[in-house]
Amino acid sequence: MDIQAEKIRLIEWFAGLNDTKTLSEFISLKKKKEVDWWDEISAEERKEIEEGLRQADNGELIPHEEVMSKYKKWL
């Protein structure tokens, strides 16, 4: 099976589809297959992101230029 050719045939068929029930079924399938990146990261990573958001909300920010200057040797 040529996967690219199958995708094109499916896209062509889908583009001409006018059946709302079938479209709704495809939308439901797509939503079931989608993975939220938040659910894929570790608890530690989520905690770090939440801490960063809390700091930003509290105005505890460092200017971009300062960060780039400090870490330029690694970039």
N, C-alpha and C. Protein backbone atom coordinates (compact mmCIF):
# COMPACT_ATOMS: atom_id res chain seq x y z
N MET A 1 0.84 -1.18 0.00
CA MET A 1 0.00 0.00 0.00
C MET A 1 0.89 1.24 0.00
N ASP A 2 0.63 2.15 -0.92
CA ASP A 2 1.32 3.43 -0.97
C ASP A 2 0.57 4.41 -0.07
N ILE A 3 1.12 4.66 1.11
CA ILE A 3 0.44 5.47 2.12
C ILE A 3 0.15 6.88 1.63
N GLN A 4 1.08 7.47 0.88
CA GLN A 4 0.87 8.83 0.38
C GLN A 4 -0.29 8.88 -0.61
N ALA A 5 -0.37 7.89 -1.49
CA ALA A 5 -1.47 7.83 -2.46
C ALA A 5 -2.80 7.63 -1.74
N GLU A 6 -2.81 6.80 -0.71
CA GLU A 6 -4.03 6.58 0.07
C GLU A 6 -4.47 7.85 0.77
N LYS A 7 -3.52 8.61 1.30
CA LYS A 7 -3.84 9.88 1.96
C LYS A 7 -4.49 10.85 0.96
N ILE A 8 -3.90 10.93 -0.22
CA ILE A 8 -4.45 11.83 -1.24
C ILE A 8 -5.85 11.42 -1.64
N ARG A 9 -6.07 10.12 -1.84
CA ARG A 9 -7.42 9.64 -2.19
C ARG A 9 -8.41 9.95 -1.07
N LEU A 10 -7.97 9.77 0.15
CA LEU A 10 -8.84 10.06 1.30
C LEU A 10 -9.15 11.56 1.40
N ILE A 11 -8.15 12.38 1.19
CA ILE A 11 -8.36 13.84 1.22
C ILE A 11 -9.33 14.26 0.12
N GLU A 12 -9.16 13.72 -1.07
CA GLU A 12 -10.07 14.04 -2.17
C GLU A 12 -11.50 13.63 -1.84
N TRP A 13 -11.65 12.43 -1.29
CA TRP A 13 -12.98 11.95 -0.91
C TRP A 13 -13.57 12.83 0.20
N PHE A 14 -12.75 13.13 1.18
CA PHE A 14 -13.19 13.93 2.32
C PHE A 14 -13.61 15.34 1.88
N ALA A 15 -12.85 15.93 0.95
CA ALA A 15 -13.15 17.28 0.47
C ALA A 15 -14.52 17.35 -0.19
N GLY A 16 -14.96 16.27 -0.79
CA GLY A 16 -16.26 16.26 -1.46
C GLY A 16 -17.40 15.77 -0.57
N LEU A 17 -17.11 15.42 0.65
CA LEU A 17 -18.10 14.86 1.56
C LEU A 17 -19.07 15.94 2.05
N ASN A 18 -20.36 15.65 1.97
CA ASN A 18 -21.38 16.59 2.42
C ASN A 18 -22.24 16.02 3.53
N ASP A 19 -21.94 14.83 3.97
CA ASP A 19 -22.72 14.13 5.00
C ASP A 19 -22.25 14.61 6.38
N THR A 20 -23.07 15.39 7.06
CA THR A 20 -22.67 15.94 8.35
C THR A 20 -22.46 14.88 9.42
N LYS A 21 -23.21 13.78 9.34
CA LYS A 21 -23.04 12.71 10.32
C LYS A 21 -21.65 12.09 10.18
N THR A 22 -21.24 11.82 8.96
CA THR A 22 -19.91 11.25 8.73
C THR A 22 -18.83 12.24 9.14
N LEU A 23 -19.01 13.51 8.82
CA LEU A 23 -18.04 14.53 9.24
C LEU A 23 -17.92 14.56 10.76
N SER A 24 -19.04 14.49 11.46
CA SER A 24 -19.03 14.49 12.93
C SER A 24 -18.29 13.27 13.46
N GLU A 25 -18.46 12.14 12.82
CA GLU A 25 -17.75 10.92 13.24
C GLU A 25 -16.25 11.09 13.07
N PHE A 26 -15.83 11.71 11.97
CA PHE A 26 -14.41 11.94 11.75
C PHE A 26 -13.85 12.93 12.78
N ILE A 27 -14.61 13.96 13.09
CA ILE A 27 -14.17 14.93 14.09
C ILE A 27 -14.01 14.24 15.45
N SER A 28 -14.95 13.38 15.80
CA SER A 28 -14.84 12.64 17.07
C SER A 28 -13.61 11.73 17.07
N LEU A 29 -13.38 11.05 15.96
CA LEU A 29 -12.20 10.18 15.86
C LEU A 29 -10.92 10.99 16.00
N LYS A 30 -10.86 12.13 15.34
CA LYS A 30 -9.68 13.00 15.42
C LYS A 30 -9.43 13.42 16.87
N LYS A 31 -10.47 13.82 17.58
CA LYS A 31 -10.32 14.25 18.97
C LYS A 31 -9.82 13.12 19.86
N LYS A 32 -10.30 11.90 19.59
CA LYS A 32 -9.86 10.74 20.38
C LYS A 32 -8.38 10.44 20.14
N LYS A 33 -7.90 10.70 18.92
CA LYS A 33 -6.52 10.38 18.55
C LYS A 33 -5.53 11.46 18.97
N GLU A 34 -6.03 12.67 19.22
CA GLU A 34 -5.15 13.76 19.60
C GLU A 34 -4.64 13.54 21.02
N VAL A 35 -3.37 13.85 21.20
CA VAL A 35 -2.74 13.71 22.50
C VAL A 35 -2.34 15.10 22.96
N ASP A 36 -2.74 15.45 24.15
CA ASP A 36 -2.36 16.74 24.73
C ASP A 36 -0.95 16.61 25.29
N TRP A 37 -0.06 17.50 24.85
CA TRP A 37 1.34 17.41 25.29
C TRP A 37 1.45 17.49 26.81
N TRP A 38 0.52 18.18 27.45
CA TRP A 38 0.55 18.31 28.92
C TRP A 38 0.45 16.93 29.57
N ASP A 39 -0.35 16.06 28.98
CA ASP A 39 -0.52 14.71 29.53
C ASP A 39 0.69 13.82 29.25
N GLU A 40 1.55 14.25 28.35
CA GLU A 40 2.69 13.43 27.95
C GLU A 40 3.97 13.78 28.72
N ILE A 41 3.98 14.90 29.42
CA ILE A 41 5.19 15.28 30.16
C ILE A 41 5.12 14.75 31.59
N SER A 42 6.26 14.74 32.22
CA SER A 42 6.34 14.18 33.58
C SER A 42 5.72 15.15 34.60
N ALA A 43 5.42 14.61 35.76
CA ALA A 43 4.87 15.43 36.85
C ALA A 43 5.87 16.52 37.23
N GLU A 44 7.15 16.20 37.20
CA GLU A 44 8.17 17.18 37.53
C GLU A 44 8.18 18.32 36.52
N GLU A 45 8.04 17.99 35.24
CA GLU A 45 7.99 19.03 34.21
C GLU A 45 6.76 19.91 34.37
N ARG A 46 5.62 19.30 34.68
CA ARG A 46 4.39 20.08 34.91
C ARG A 46 4.58 21.02 36.10
N LYS A 47 5.22 20.52 37.15
CA LYS A 47 5.45 21.33 38.35
C LYS A 47 6.34 22.53 38.02
N GLU A 48 7.39 22.31 37.23
CA GLU A 48 8.30 23.39 36.85
C GLU A 48 7.58 24.44 36.00
N ILE A 49 6.75 24.00 35.09
CA ILE A 49 5.99 24.94 34.25
C ILE A 49 5.03 25.75 35.10
N GLU A 50 4.33 25.08 35.99
CA GLU A 50 3.39 25.78 36.88
C GLU A 50 4.12 26.80 37.75
N GLU A 51 5.31 26.45 38.22
CA GLU A 51 6.11 27.38 39.03
C GLU A 51 6.51 28.59 38.19
N GLY A 52 6.92 28.36 36.96
CA GLY A 52 7.28 29.46 36.07
C GLY A 52 6.10 30.38 35.79
N LEU A 53 4.93 29.80 35.60
CA LEU A 53 3.72 30.61 35.38
C LEU A 53 3.38 31.43 36.63
N ARG A 54 3.55 30.82 37.79
CA ARG A 54 3.29 31.53 39.04
C ARG A 54 4.25 32.71 39.18
N GLN A 55 5.52 32.46 38.88
CA GLN A 55 6.51 33.53 38.96
C GLN A 55 6.17 34.66 37.98
N ALA A 56 5.78 34.30 36.78
CA ALA A 56 5.41 35.32 35.79
C ALA A 56 4.21 36.12 36.26
N ASP A 57 3.22 35.44 36.82
CA ASP A 57 2.03 36.13 37.33
C ASP A 57 2.40 37.11 38.45
N ASN A 58 3.43 36.78 39.20
CA ASN A 58 3.87 37.64 40.32
C ASN A 58 4.90 38.69 39.88
N GLY A 59 5.17 38.74 38.59
CA GLY A 59 6.12 39.74 38.09
C GLY A 59 7.57 39.38 38.32
N GLU A 60 7.84 38.14 38.68
CA GLU A 60 9.22 37.70 38.94
C GLU A 60 9.86 37.27 37.62
N LEU A 61 10.16 38.23 36.79
CA LEU A 61 10.68 37.96 35.45
C LEU A 61 12.10 38.46 35.29
N ILE A 62 12.84 37.84 34.37
CA ILE A 62 14.19 38.27 34.02
C ILE A 62 14.15 38.67 32.55
N PRO A 63 14.64 39.86 32.22
CA PRO A 63 14.63 40.30 30.82
C PRO A 63 15.38 39.33 29.91
N HIS A 64 14.89 39.16 28.70
CA HIS A 64 15.48 38.26 27.72
C HIS A 64 16.96 38.56 27.50
N GLU A 65 17.30 39.83 27.37
CA GLU A 65 18.69 40.23 27.13
C GLU A 65 19.61 39.74 28.25
N GLU A 66 19.13 39.81 29.48
CA GLU A 66 19.93 39.37 30.63
C GLU A 66 20.16 37.86 30.59
N VAL A 67 19.14 37.14 30.26
CA VAL A 67 19.27 35.68 30.17
C VAL A 67 20.23 35.31 29.04
N MET A 68 20.07 35.95 27.88
CA MET A 68 20.93 35.64 26.74
C MET A 68 22.39 35.96 27.06
N SER A 69 22.62 37.06 27.74
CA SER A 69 23.98 37.44 28.12
C SER A 69 24.59 36.42 29.06
N LYS A 70 23.81 35.98 30.02
CA LYS A 70 24.30 35.03 31.03
C LYS A 70 24.62 33.66 30.42
N TYR A 71 23.79 33.22 29.46
CA TYR A 71 23.93 31.86 28.94
C TYR A 71 24.46 31.79 27.52
N LYS A 72 24.98 32.89 26.99
CA LYS A 72 25.41 32.92 25.59
C LYS A 72 26.53 31.91 25.30
N LYS A 73 27.34 31.57 26.28
CA LYS A 73 28.42 30.62 26.03
C LYS A 73 27.91 29.21 25.73
N TRP A 74 26.67 28.92 26.10
CA TRP A 74 26.10 27.60 25.82
C TRP A 74 25.19 27.61 24.60
N LEU A 75 24.93 28.77 24.06
CA LEU A 75 24.00 28.86 22.92
C LEU A 75 24.72 28.87 21.61
